[in-house]
Amino acid sequence: MYRLGVVGAGEIFQIYDKAIDNLPNVSIIAVADPLPERLRKAERSGRHLLLDTHKLLEMNLDGVLILTPNALHTPLTITALDYGHSVLCEKPLSISVEDTQKILALAKLRNRFLSVAMHCRYRPEIKYLYENIRGKIIYFKQIYHENWMSASSWYFNPEISGGGVLLDVGINQIDWILPLTEGLQLHTASFEQADCKVELDCHIEWKYGTGRGVTDLTWRARKEKKITVIETDRGEVFKLDHKQHSIYLNGSLKGEWMSFEYQEVIQDFIRQKDSCNKEGHGQNERSYLLISLIGYIYESCGIKFLGKQFSYL
């Protein structure tokens, strides 16, 4: 049995808990959270529920999942690595470029496996694209419009979240398009905050060696729309529907699938940790590139990308 410990029993924990239920020989044996009411929701027969994170980190575990609000990712990941654990951290790994460097350096120093849960790259329509695209992308347009205005209050507090829709939603969209657009660079970006302290809308225009692209994001859509259109130099047009998990090639439906992305996040963490192959290191390099690029976008719009760190221990 692969024994996991989890720090953070909030909303995202429920998604991971359900995903792990469907994986053979993997179990969450301990959960730490400072709020008893959240811990009660995580209760299972034989599962340790702990108010003190240090007690969880003292346990014999095969891996630790960090599922807390963003500003806690840095101190908790550092502490878990110092205790000698391999770590799977929810995205983003950190809310500053400097802290990202610090975490990656510590994982290397401690010789511990570290991974970031970039779940969208495991979606079936995206995997199909990776496996079947033949030409170079000359244009892409990502539209990710959702209604997130009823989310937990910490999402709208930049000292805890580190940012709004770009850091929460955009990081996933940029992550999966990066391997297909070598040399991706910011062309222009704009934000709309309305009455919030974080951006609710974000529009980015990109440039890269073979073409251009657009990423358009909002948290306040009246009607949700999650679509990506990709054109290649071979005349291929891919249309990805991220709600239906379907993909069309030149107007022809190639597949519509169920998505098990969170299960695959866990499976990939276990596989990479056990094999200790170069893929894991590559993912960390990609994580650093993502945070650096997002930090640059914020700064280009006059927003300082540096959240306040909090203690959770």
C-alpha atoms as a PDB file:
ATOM      1  CA  MET A   1       0.000   0.000   0.000  1.00  0.00           C
ATOM      2  CA  TYR A   2       1.307   3.457  -0.995  1.00  0.00           C
ATOM      3  CA  ARG A   3       0.802   5.608   2.116  1.00  0.00           C
ATOM      4  CA  LEU A   4       0.141   9.324   1.590  1.00  0.00           C
ATOM      5  CA  GLY A   5      -0.192  12.177   4.031  1.00  0.00           C
ATOM      6  CA  VAL A   6      -2.109  15.346   3.151  1.00  0.00           C
ATOM      7  CA  VAL A   7      -1.696  18.855   4.519  1.00  0.00           C
ATOM      8  CA  GLY A   8      -4.859  20.859   3.952  1.00  0.00           C
ATOM      9  CA  ALA A   9      -8.440  19.542   4.106  1.00  0.00           C
ATOM     10  CA  GLY A  10     -10.217  22.268   2.129  1.00  0.00           C
ATOM     11  CA  GLU A  11     -12.193  22.096  -1.104  1.00  0.00           C
ATOM     12  CA  ILE A  12      -9.430  20.665  -3.297  1.00  0.00           C
ATOM     13  CA  PHE A  13      -8.853  17.876  -0.775  1.00  0.00           C
ATOM     14  CA  GLN A  14     -12.266  16.421  -1.590  1.00  0.00           C
ATOM     15  CA  ILE A  15     -11.270  16.075  -5.256  1.00  0.00           C
ATOM     16  CA  TYR A  16      -8.029  14.277  -4.410  1.00  0.00           C
ATOM     17  CA  ASP A  17      -9.715  12.088  -1.819  1.00  0.00           C
ATOM     18  CA  LYS A  18     -12.251  10.882  -4.383  1.00  0.00           C
ATOM     19  CA  ALA A  19      -9.548  10.344  -7.027  1.00  0.00           C
ATOM     20  CA  ILE A  20      -7.377   8.284  -4.663  1.00  0.00           C
ATOM     21  CA  ASP A  21     -10.389   6.155  -3.724  1.00  0.00           C
ATOM     22  CA  ASN A  22     -10.283   4.864  -7.296  1.00  0.00           C
ATOM     23  CA  LEU A  23      -6.604   3.939  -7.246  1.00  0.00           C
ATOM     24  CA  PRO A  24      -5.591   0.459  -6.103  1.00  0.00           C
ATOM     25  CA  ASN A  25      -2.920   0.220  -3.414  1.00  0.00           C
ATOM     26  CA  VAL A  26      -2.904   3.963  -2.697  1.00  0.00           C
ATOM     27  CA  SER A  27      -4.352   5.425   0.489  1.00  0.00           C
ATOM     28  CA  ILE A  28      -4.448   8.682   2.426  1.00  0.00           C
ATOM     29  CA  ILE A  29      -3.574   7.573   5.910  1.00  0.00           C
ATOM     30  CA  ALA A  30      -3.253  10.989   7.569  1.00  0.00           C
ATOM     31  CA  VAL A  31      -4.619  14.512   7.100  1.00  0.00           C
ATOM     32  CA  ALA A  32      -3.449  17.658   8.887  1.00  0.00           C
ATOM     33  CA  ASP A  33      -5.414  20.900   9.096  1.00  0.00           C
ATOM     34  CA  PRO A  34      -5.623  23.539  11.851  1.00  0.00           C
ATOM     35  CA  LEU A  35      -9.432  23.747  11.612  1.00  0.00           C
ATOM     36  CA  PRO A  36     -11.360  20.893  13.300  1.00  0.00           C
ATOM     37  CA  GLU A  37     -14.450  21.460  11.127  1.00  0.00           C
ATOM     38  CA  ARG A  38     -12.436  20.779   7.973  1.00  0.00           C
ATOM     39  CA  LEU A  39     -10.804  17.731   9.511  1.00  0.00           C
ATOM     40  CA  ARG A  40     -14.187  16.242  10.330  1.00  0.00           C
ATOM     41  CA  LYS A  41     -15.040  16.244   6.620  1.00  0.00           C
ATOM     42  CA  ALA A  42     -11.867  14.230   5.977  1.00  0.00           C
ATOM     43  CA  GLU A  43     -12.714  11.544   8.521  1.00  0.00           C
ATOM     44  CA  ARG A  44     -12.353   7.913   7.421  1.00  0.00           C
ATOM     45  CA  SER A  45     -11.991   4.690   9.355  1.00  0.00           C
ATOM     46  CA  GLY A  46      -8.350   4.261  10.367  1.00  0.00           C
ATOM     47  CA  ARG A  47      -7.279   7.670   9.050  1.00  0.00           C
ATOM     48  CA  HIS A  48      -5.253   9.926  11.350  1.00  0.00           C
ATOM     49  CA  LEU A  49      -6.690  13.449  11.675  1.00  0.00           C
ATOM     50  CA  LEU A  50      -4.161  15.923  13.033  1.00  0.00           C
ATOM     51  CA  LEU A  51      -4.282  19.576  14.009  1.00  0.00           C
ATOM     52  CA  ASP A  52      -0.478  19.688  14.154  1.00  0.00           C
ATOM     53  CA  THR A  53       1.269  19.412  10.776  1.00  0.00           C
ATOM     54  CA  HIS A  54       4.556  18.444  12.440  1.00  0.00           C
ATOM     55  CA  LYS A  55       2.944  15.259  13.769  1.00  0.00           C
ATOM     56  CA  LEU A  56       1.950  14.274  10.245  1.00  0.00           C
ATOM     57  CA  LEU A  57       5.441  14.982   8.934  1.00  0.00           C
ATOM     58  CA  GLU A  58       6.917  12.785  11.674  1.00  0.00           C
ATOM     59  CA  MET A  59       4.989   9.779  10.305  1.00  0.00           C
ATOM     60  CA  ASN A  60       6.388   7.105   7.988  1.00  0.00           C
ATOM     61  CA  LEU A  61       4.878   8.153   4.639  1.00  0.00           C
ATOM     62  CA  ASP A  62       5.562   7.453   0.976  1.00  0.00           C
ATOM     63  CA  GLY A  63       4.667  10.997  -0.018  1.00  0.00           C
ATOM     64  CA  VAL A  64       3.108  14.235   1.218  1.00  0.00           C
ATOM     65  CA  LEU A  65       0.484  16.250  -0.663  1.00  0.00           C
ATOM     66  CA  ILE A  66       0.307  20.010  -0.037  1.00  0.00           C
ATOM     67  CA  LEU A  67      -3.295  21.116  -0.692  1.00  0.00           C
ATOM     68  CA  THR A  68      -3.464  24.457   1.105  1.00  0.00           C
ATOM     69  CA  PRO A  69      -4.061  28.035  -0.063  1.00  0.00           C
ATOM     70  CA  ASN A  70      -1.230  29.290  -2.262  1.00  0.00           C
ATOM     71  CA  ALA A  71       0.729  31.397   0.235  1.00  0.00           C
ATOM     72  CA  LEU A  72       1.279  28.290   2.361  1.00  0.00           C
ATOM     73  CA  HIS A  73       2.838  26.222  -0.398  1.00  0.00           C
ATOM     74  CA  THR A  74       6.367  27.540   0.132  1.00  0.00           C
ATOM     75  CA  PRO A  75       6.723  27.099   3.914  1.00  0.00           C
ATOM     76  CA  LEU A  76       4.942  23.740   3.930  1.00  0.00           C
ATOM     77  CA  THR A  77       6.858  22.305   0.988  1.00  0.00           C
ATOM     78  CA  ILE A  78      10.151  23.424   2.505  1.00  0.00           C
ATOM     79  CA  THR A  79       9.255  21.895   5.868  1.00  0.00           C
ATOM     80  CA  ALA A  80       8.121  18.606   4.299  1.00  0.00           C
ATOM     81  CA  LEU A  81      11.355  18.384   2.295  1.00  0.00           C
ATOM     82  CA  ASP A  82      13.370  19.099   5.436  1.00  0.00           C
ATOM     83  CA  TYR A  83      11.569  16.220   7.165  1.00  0.00           C
ATOM     84  CA  GLY A  84      12.761  13.980   4.337  1.00  0.00           C
ATOM     85  CA  HIS A  85       9.523  13.526   2.410  1.00  0.00           C
ATOM     86  CA  SER A  86       8.848  13.501  -1.301  1.00  0.00           C
ATOM     87  CA  VAL A  87       6.266  16.174  -2.062  1.00  0.00           C
ATOM     88  CA  LEU A  88       3.404  16.676  -4.487  1.00  0.00           C
ATOM     89  CA  CYS A  89       2.318  20.316  -4.240  1.00  0.00           C
ATOM     90  CA  GLU A  90      -0.849  21.763  -5.730  1.00  0.00           C
ATOM     91  CA  LYS A  91      -0.218  24.512  -8.252  1.00  0.00           C
ATOM     92  CA  PRO A  92       1.275  27.031  -8.058  1.00  0.00           C
ATOM     93  CA  LEU A  93       4.443  25.755  -6.428  1.00  0.00           C
ATOM     94  CA  SER A  94       4.955  29.227  -4.990  1.00  0.00           C
ATOM     95  CA  ILE A  95       3.708  32.781  -5.352  1.00  0.00           C
ATOM     96  CA  SER A  96       7.106  34.327  -6.012  1.00  0.00           C
ATOM     97  CA  VAL A  97       9.969  33.563  -8.371  1.00  0.00           C
ATOM     98  CA  GLU A  98      12.492  33.754  -5.531  1.00  0.00           C
ATOM     99  CA  ASP A  99      10.641  31.196  -3.406  1.00  0.00           C
ATOM    100  CA  THR A 100      10.293  28.873  -6.382  1.00  0.00           C
ATOM    101  CA  GLN A 101      14.069  28.920  -6.790  1.00  0.00           C
ATOM    102  CA  LYS A 102      14.485  28.272  -3.069  1.00  0.00           C
ATOM    103  CA  ILE A 103      12.165  25.237  -3.102  1.00  0.00           C
ATOM    104  CA  LEU A 104      13.753  23.662  -6.173  1.00  0.00           C
ATOM    105  CA  ALA A 105      17.250  24.152  -4.763  1.00  0.00           C
ATOM    106  CA  LEU A 106      16.239  22.558  -1.460  1.00  0.00           C
ATOM    107  CA  ALA A 107      14.684  19.523  -3.169  1.00  0.00           C
ATOM    108  CA  LYS A 108      17.966  19.007  -5.024  1.00  0.00           C
ATOM    109  CA  LEU A 109      20.016  19.520  -1.876  1.00  0.00           C
ATOM    110  CA  ARG A 110      17.896  17.070   0.136  1.00  0.00           C
ATOM    111  CA  ASN A 111      17.744  14.657  -2.826  1.00  0.00           C
ATOM    112  CA  ARG A 112      13.948  14.465  -2.485  1.00  0.00           C
ATOM    113  CA  PHE A 113      11.438  14.076  -5.276  1.00  0.00           C
ATOM    114  CA  LEU A 114       9.252  17.142  -5.835  1.00  0.00           C
ATOM    115  CA  SER A 115       6.343  17.470  -8.248  1.00  0.00           C
ATOM    116  CA  VAL A 116       3.694  20.077  -8.978  1.00  0.00           C
ATOM    117  CA  ALA A 117       0.090  19.038  -9.664  1.00  0.00           C
ATOM    118  CA  MET A 118      -0.465  20.571 -13.094  1.00  0.00           C
ATOM    119  CA  HIS A 119      -3.625  18.579 -13.672  1.00  0.00           C
ATOM    120  CA  CYS A 120      -4.770  20.000 -17.013  1.00  0.00           C
ATOM    121  CA  ARG A 121      -1.906  18.385 -18.925  1.00  0.00           C
ATOM    122  CA  TYR A 122      -3.520  15.019 -18.084  1.00  0.00           C
ATOM    123  CA  ARG A 123      -6.864  15.842 -19.701  1.00  0.00           C
ATOM    124  CA  PRO A 124      -7.701  13.398 -22.506  1.00  0.00           C
ATOM    125  CA  GLU A 125      -8.228  16.020 -25.198  1.00  0.00           C
ATOM    126  CA  ILE A 126      -4.833  17.535 -24.429  1.00  0.00           C
ATOM    127  CA  LYS A 127      -3.120  14.142 -24.403  1.00  0.00           C
ATOM    128  CA  TYR A 128      -4.719  13.380 -27.780  1.00  0.00           C
ATOM    129  CA  LEU A 129      -3.351  16.650 -29.136  1.00  0.00           C
ATOM    130  CA  TYR A 130       0.165  15.892 -27.855  1.00  0.00           C
ATOM    131  CA  GLU A 131       0.073  12.473 -29.493  1.00  0.00           C
ATOM    132  CA  ASN A 132      -1.445  13.471 -32.840  1.00  0.00           C
ATOM    133  CA  ILE A 133      -0.315  16.969 -33.770  1.00  0.00           C
ATOM    134  CA  ARG A 134       2.113  16.805 -36.696  1.00  0.00           C
ATOM    135  CA  GLY A 135       2.799  20.343 -37.848  1.00  0.00           C
ATOM    136  CA  LYS A 136       4.066  23.413 -36.043  1.00  0.00           C
ATOM    137  CA  ILE A 137       1.479  25.648 -34.430  1.00  0.00           C
ATOM    138  CA  ILE A 138       1.090  28.944 -36.250  1.00  0.00           C
ATOM    139  CA  TYR A 139      -1.822  30.216 -34.157  1.00  0.00           C
ATOM    140  CA  PHE A 140      -3.664  29.265 -30.998  1.00  0.00           C
ATOM    141  CA  LYS A 141      -6.490  30.781 -29.010  1.00  0.00           C
ATOM    142  CA  GLN A 142      -7.315  29.618 -25.498  1.00  0.00           C
ATOM    143  CA  ILE A 143     -10.650  30.734 -24.058  1.00  0.00           C
ATOM    144  CA  TYR A 144     -11.226  29.791 -20.445  1.00  0.00           C
ATOM    145  CA  HIS A 145     -14.269  31.612 -19.118  1.00  0.00           C
ATOM    146  CA  GLU A 146     -15.816  30.398 -15.876  1.00  0.00           C
ATOM    147  CA  ASN A 147     -17.885  31.726 -13.007  1.00  0.00           C
ATOM    148  CA  TRP A 148     -15.717  31.577  -9.907  1.00  0.00           C
ATOM    149  CA  MET A 149     -17.114  34.526  -7.985  1.00  0.00           C
ATOM    150  CA  SER A 150     -18.600  32.344  -5.236  1.00  0.00           C
ATOM    151  CA  ALA A 151     -15.235  30.710  -4.463  1.00  0.00           C
ATOM    152  CA  SER A 152     -13.640  30.847  -1.011  1.00  0.00           C
ATOM    153  CA  SER A 153     -12.628  34.346   0.049  1.00  0.00           C
ATOM    154  CA  TRP A 154      -8.892  33.588   0.073  1.00  0.00           C
ATOM    155  CA  TYR A 155      -8.890  33.417  -3.747  1.00  0.00           C
ATOM    156  CA  PHE A 156      -9.611  37.169  -3.799  1.00  0.00           C
ATOM    157  CA  ASN A 157      -6.972  38.094  -1.206  1.00  0.00           C
ATOM    158  CA  PRO A 158      -3.652  38.629  -3.029  1.00  0.00           C
ATOM    159  CA  GLU A 159      -1.625  38.133   0.154  1.00  0.00           C
ATOM    160  CA  ILE A 160      -2.933  34.556   0.344  1.00  0.00           C
ATOM    161  CA  SER A 161      -3.655  33.695  -3.287  1.00  0.00           C
ATOM    162  CA  GLY A 162      -0.760  35.584  -4.866  1.00  0.00           C
ATOM    163  CA  GLY A 163      -2.976  36.555  -7.795  1.00  0.00           C
ATOM    164  CA  GLY A 164      -6.309  36.041  -9.485  1.00  0.00           C
ATOM    165  CA  VAL A 165      -7.461  34.302 -12.630  1.00  0.00           C
ATOM    166  CA  LEU A 166      -4.010  34.303 -14.268  1.00  0.00           C
ATOM    167  CA  LEU A 167      -2.318  32.466 -11.407  1.00  0.00           C
ATOM    168  CA  ASP A 168      -5.254  30.143 -10.738  1.00  0.00           C
ATOM    169  CA  VAL A 169      -6.523  29.301 -14.231  1.00  0.00           C
ATOM    170  CA  GLY A 170      -3.934  30.768 -16.571  1.00  0.00           C
ATOM    171  CA  ILE A 171      -1.060  28.795 -15.083  1.00  0.00           C
ATOM    172  CA  ASN A 172      -2.709  25.563 -16.232  1.00  0.00           C
ATOM    173  CA  GLN A 173      -3.398  26.855 -19.733  1.00  0.00           C
ATOM    174  CA  ILE A 174       0.115  28.186 -20.170  1.00  0.00           C
ATOM    175  CA  ASP A 175       1.562  24.965 -18.770  1.00  0.00           C
ATOM    176  CA  TRP A 176       0.054  22.642 -21.358  1.00  0.00           C
ATOM    177  CA  ILE A 177       0.652  24.935 -24.353  1.00  0.00           C
ATOM    178  CA  LEU A 178       4.347  25.512 -23.482  1.00  0.00           C
ATOM    179  CA  PRO A 179       5.727  22.270 -24.973  1.00  0.00           C
ATOM    180  CA  LEU A 180       3.999  23.049 -28.281  1.00  0.00           C
ATOM    181  CA  THR A 181       5.192  26.660 -28.635  1.00  0.00           C
ATOM    182  CA  GLU A 182       8.953  26.828 -28.361  1.00  0.00           C
ATOM    183  CA  GLY A 183      10.178  30.217 -27.192  1.00  0.00           C
ATOM    184  CA  LEU A 184       6.769  31.459 -26.022  1.00  0.00           C
ATOM    185  CA  GLN A 185       7.033  35.152 -25.099  1.00  0.00           C
ATOM    186  CA  LEU A 186       4.637  37.795 -23.900  1.00  0.00           C
ATOM    187  CA  HIS A 187       3.535  40.296 -26.542  1.00  0.00           C
ATOM    188  CA  THR A 188       0.871  42.231 -24.608  1.00  0.00           C
ATOM    189  CA  ALA A 189      -1.266  41.632 -21.523  1.00  0.00           C
ATOM    190  CA  SER A 190      -4.143  43.393 -19.818  1.00  0.00           C
ATOM    191  CA  PHE A 191      -6.051  42.838 -16.579  1.00  0.00           C
ATOM    192  CA  GLU A 192      -9.415  43.903 -15.188  1.00  0.00           C
ATOM    193  CA  GLN A 193      -9.854  43.880 -11.425  1.00  0.00           C
ATOM    194  CA  ALA A 194     -13.247  45.629 -11.092  1.00  0.00           C
ATOM    195  CA  ASP A 195     -13.806  46.046  -7.337  1.00  0.00           C
ATOM    196  CA  CYS A 196     -11.524  43.135  -6.370  1.00  0.00           C
ATOM    197  CA  LYS A 197      -7.921  43.135  -5.205  1.00  0.00           C
ATOM    198  CA  VAL A 198      -6.974  40.472  -7.762  1.00  0.00           C
ATOM    199  CA  GLU A 199      -7.564  40.315 -11.507  1.00  0.00           C
ATOM    200  CA  LEU A 200     -10.905  38.824 -12.560  1.00  0.00           C
ATOM    201  CA  ASP A 201     -10.182  39.056 -16.299  1.00  0.00           C
ATOM    202  CA  CYS A 202      -6.903  38.551 -18.130  1.00  0.00           C
ATOM    203  CA  HIS A 203      -6.135  38.845 -21.832  1.00  0.00           C
ATOM    204  CA  ILE A 204      -2.703  37.826 -23.111  1.00  0.00           C
ATOM    205  CA  GLU A 205      -1.269  37.947 -26.612  1.00  0.00           C
ATOM    206  CA  TRP A 206       1.776  35.788 -27.269  1.00  0.00           C
ATOM    207  CA  LYS A 207       4.536  35.565 -29.851  1.00  0.00           C
ATOM    208  CA  TYR A 208       6.968  32.729 -30.552  1.00  0.00           C
ATOM    209  CA  GLY A 209       9.136  31.406 -33.336  1.00  0.00           C
ATOM    210  CA  THR A 210       6.459  29.953 -35.612  1.00  0.00           C
ATOM    211  CA  GLY A 211       3.431  32.054 -34.775  1.00  0.00           C
ATOM    212  CA  ARG A 212       1.221  33.925 -32.364  1.00  0.00           C
ATOM    213  CA  GLY A 213      -1.384  33.089 -29.773  1.00  0.00           C
ATOM    214  CA  VAL A 214      -4.040  34.367 -27.384  1.00  0.00           C
ATOM    215  CA  THR A 215      -5.035  33.334 -23.865  1.00  0.00           C
ATOM    216  CA  ASP A 216      -8.296  34.888 -22.671  1.00  0.00           C
ATOM    217  CA  LEU A 217      -9.404  34.247 -19.086  1.00  0.00           C
ATOM    218  CA  THR A 218     -12.219  35.328 -16.796  1.00  0.00           C
ATOM    219  CA  TRP A 219     -13.649  34.345 -13.428  1.00  0.00           C
ATOM    220  CA  ARG A 220     -16.946  36.148 -13.965  1.00  0.00           C
ATOM    221  CA  ALA A 221     -18.456  34.583 -17.072  1.00  0.00           C
ATOM    222  CA  ARG A 222     -22.226  34.658 -17.429  1.00  0.00           C
ATOM    223  CA  LYS A 223     -21.915  31.553 -19.569  1.00  0.00           C
ATOM    224  CA  GLU A 224     -18.907  29.308 -19.129  1.00  0.00           C
ATOM    225  CA  LYS A 225     -16.775  28.556 -22.170  1.00  0.00           C
ATOM    226  CA  LYS A 226     -13.611  26.474 -22.153  1.00  0.00           C
ATOM    227  CA  ILE A 227     -12.318  26.084 -25.699  1.00  0.00           C
ATOM    228  CA  THR A 228      -8.918  26.041 -27.418  1.00  0.00           C
ATOM    229  CA  VAL A 229      -8.450  26.376 -31.184  1.00  0.00           C
ATOM    230  CA  ILE A 230      -5.081  25.472 -32.709  1.00  0.00           C
ATOM    231  CA  GLU A 231      -3.942  25.932 -36.314  1.00  0.00           C
ATOM    232  CA  THR A 232      -0.820  24.295 -37.730  1.00  0.00           C
ATOM    233  CA  ASP A 233       1.383  24.904 -40.744  1.00  0.00           C
ATOM    234  CA  ARG A 234       0.004  21.689 -42.260  1.00  0.00           C
ATOM    235  CA  GLY A 235      -3.480  23.116 -42.484  1.00  0.00           C
ATOM    236  CA  GLU A 236      -4.750  21.245 -39.439  1.00  0.00           C
ATOM    237  CA  VAL A 237      -7.294  22.904 -37.168  1.00  0.00           C
ATOM    238  CA  PHE A 238      -7.785  21.328 -33.753  1.00  0.00           C
ATOM    239  CA  LYS A 239     -10.683  22.397 -31.555  1.00  0.00           C
ATOM    240  CA  LEU A 240     -10.488  21.272 -27.944  1.00  0.00           C
ATOM    241  CA  ASP A 241     -13.536  21.465 -25.682  1.00  0.00           C
ATOM    242  CA  HIS A 242     -12.312  21.378 -22.086  1.00  0.00           C
ATOM    243  CA  LYS A 243     -15.817  20.986 -20.642  1.00  0.00           C
ATOM    244  CA  GLN A 244     -16.815  18.018 -22.806  1.00  0.00           C
ATOM    245  CA  HIS A 245     -13.241  16.697 -23.013  1.00  0.00           C
ATOM    246  CA  SER A 246     -13.635  16.323 -26.746  1.00  0.00           C
ATOM    247  CA  ILE A 247     -11.506  17.217 -29.742  1.00  0.00           C
ATOM    248  CA  TYR A 248     -12.255  17.957 -33.387  1.00  0.00           C
ATOM    249  CA  LEU A 249      -9.705  17.837 -36.187  1.00  0.00           C
ATOM    250  CA  ASN A 250     -10.708  19.831 -39.269  1.00  0.00           C
ATOM    251  CA  GLY A 251     -14.320  19.616 -38.108  1.00  0.00           C
ATOM    252  CA  SER A 252     -14.310  15.842 -37.568  1.00  0.00           C
ATOM    253  CA  LEU A 253     -14.905  14.542 -34.049  1.00  0.00           C
ATOM    254  CA  LYS A 254     -11.932  12.439 -32.979  1.00  0.00           C
ATOM    255  CA  GLY A 255     -12.993  11.661 -29.451  1.00  0.00           C
ATOM    256  CA  GLU A 256     -14.984  12.567 -26.360  1.00  0.00           C
ATOM    257  CA  TRP A 257     -13.726  11.084 -23.148  1.00  0.00           C
ATOM    258  CA  MET A 258     -14.127  10.934 -19.405  1.00  0.00           C
ATOM    259  CA  SER A 259     -11.366  12.797 -17.595  1.00  0.00           C
ATOM    260  CA  PHE A 260      -9.430  11.202 -14.742  1.00  0.00           C
ATOM    261  CA  GLU A 261      -6.834  13.938 -14.493  1.00  0.00           C
ATOM    262  CA  TYR A 262      -6.442  13.932 -10.702  1.00  0.00           C
ATOM    263  CA  GLN A 263      -6.006  10.184 -10.609  1.00  0.00           C
ATOM    264  CA  GLU A 264      -3.329  10.561 -13.245  1.00  0.00           C
ATOM    265  CA  VAL A 265      -1.618  13.327 -11.248  1.00  0.00           C
ATOM    266  CA  ILE A 266      -1.237  10.898  -8.338  1.00  0.00           C
ATOM    267  CA  GLN A 267      -0.206   7.978 -10.538  1.00  0.00           C
ATOM    268  CA  ASP A 268       2.425  10.088 -12.294  1.00  0.00           C
ATOM    269  CA  PHE A 269       3.792  11.351  -8.977  1.00  0.00           C
ATOM    270  CA  ILE A 270       4.193   7.773  -7.748  1.00  0.00           C
ATOM    271  CA  ARG A 271       5.684   6.568 -11.036  1.00  0.00           C
ATOM    272  CA  GLN A 272       8.218   9.373 -11.259  1.00  0.00           C
ATOM    273  CA  LYS A 273       9.140   9.190  -7.599  1.00  0.00           C
ATOM    274  CA  ASP A 274       9.730   5.450  -7.783  1.00  0.00           C
ATOM    275  CA  SER A 275      11.724   5.617 -11.014  1.00  0.00           C
ATOM    276  CA  CYS A 276      13.516   8.906 -10.198  1.00  0.00           C
ATOM    277  CA  ASN A 277      13.888   9.517 -13.930  1.00  0.00           C
ATOM    278  CA  LYS A 278      14.719  12.764 -15.669  1.00  0.00           C
ATOM    279  CA  GLU A 279      11.083  13.549 -16.400  1.00  0.00           C
ATOM    280  CA  GLY A 280      10.549  14.722 -12.852  1.00  0.00           C
ATOM    281  CA  HIS A 281      13.439  17.152 -13.060  1.00  0.00           C
ATOM    282  CA  GLY A 282      12.074  18.439 -16.351  1.00  0.00           C
ATOM    283  CA  GLN A 283       8.741  19.134 -14.739  1.00  0.00           C
ATOM    284  CA  ASN A 284      10.462  21.218 -12.068  1.00  0.00           C
ATOM    285  CA  GLU A 285      12.263  23.234 -14.737  1.00  0.00           C
ATOM    286  CA  ARG A 286       8.897  23.800 -16.414  1.00  0.00           C
ATOM    287  CA  SER A 287       7.415  24.871 -13.066  1.00  0.00           C
ATOM    288  CA  TYR A 288      10.129  27.474 -12.654  1.00  0.00           C
ATOM    289  CA  LEU A 289       9.601  28.720 -16.208  1.00  0.00           C
ATOM    290  CA  LEU A 290       5.859  29.014 -15.556  1.00  0.00           C
ATOM    291  CA  ILE A 291       6.255  31.055 -12.373  1.00  0.00           C
ATOM    292  CA  SER A 292       8.881  33.260 -14.014  1.00  0.00           C
ATOM    293  CA  LEU A 293       6.645  33.905 -17.026  1.00  0.00           C
ATOM    294  CA  ILE A 294       3.590  34.634 -14.889  1.00  0.00           C
ATOM    295  CA  GLY A 295       5.638  36.943 -12.677  1.00  0.00           C
ATOM    296  CA  TYR A 296       6.798  38.820 -15.771  1.00  0.00           C
ATOM    297  CA  ILE A 297       3.202  39.195 -16.998  1.00  0.00           C
ATOM    298  CA  TYR A 298       2.102  40.628 -13.660  1.00  0.00           C
ATOM    299  CA  GLU A 299       5.017  43.040 -13.548  1.00  0.00           C
ATOM    300  CA  SER A 300       4.353  44.142 -17.144  1.00  0.00           C
ATOM    301  CA  CYS A 301       0.898  45.213 -15.962  1.00  0.00           C
ATOM    302  CA  GLY A 302       2.269  47.007 -12.910  1.00  0.00           C
ATOM    303  CA  ILE A 303       1.373  44.319 -10.366  1.00  0.00           C
ATOM    304  CA  LYS A 304       4.039  43.130  -7.930  1.00  0.00           C
ATOM    305  CA  PHE A 305       4.103  39.338  -7.908  1.00  0.00           C
ATOM    306  CA  LEU A 306       5.014  38.588  -4.304  1.00  0.00           C
ATOM    307  CA  GLY A 307       2.524  37.287  -1.799  1.00  0.00           C
ATOM    308  CA  LYS A 308       2.885  37.364   1.977  1.00  0.00           C
ATOM    309  CA  GLN A 309       3.949  34.066   3.542  1.00  0.00           C
ATOM    310  CA  PHE A 310       1.939  32.627   6.434  1.00  0.00           C
ATOM    311  CA  SER A 311       2.690  29.984   9.018  1.00  0.00           C
ATOM    312  CA  TYR A 312       0.636  26.808   9.052  1.00  0.00           C
ATOM    313  CA  LEU A 313       2.760  24.756  11.426  1.00  0.00           C
END
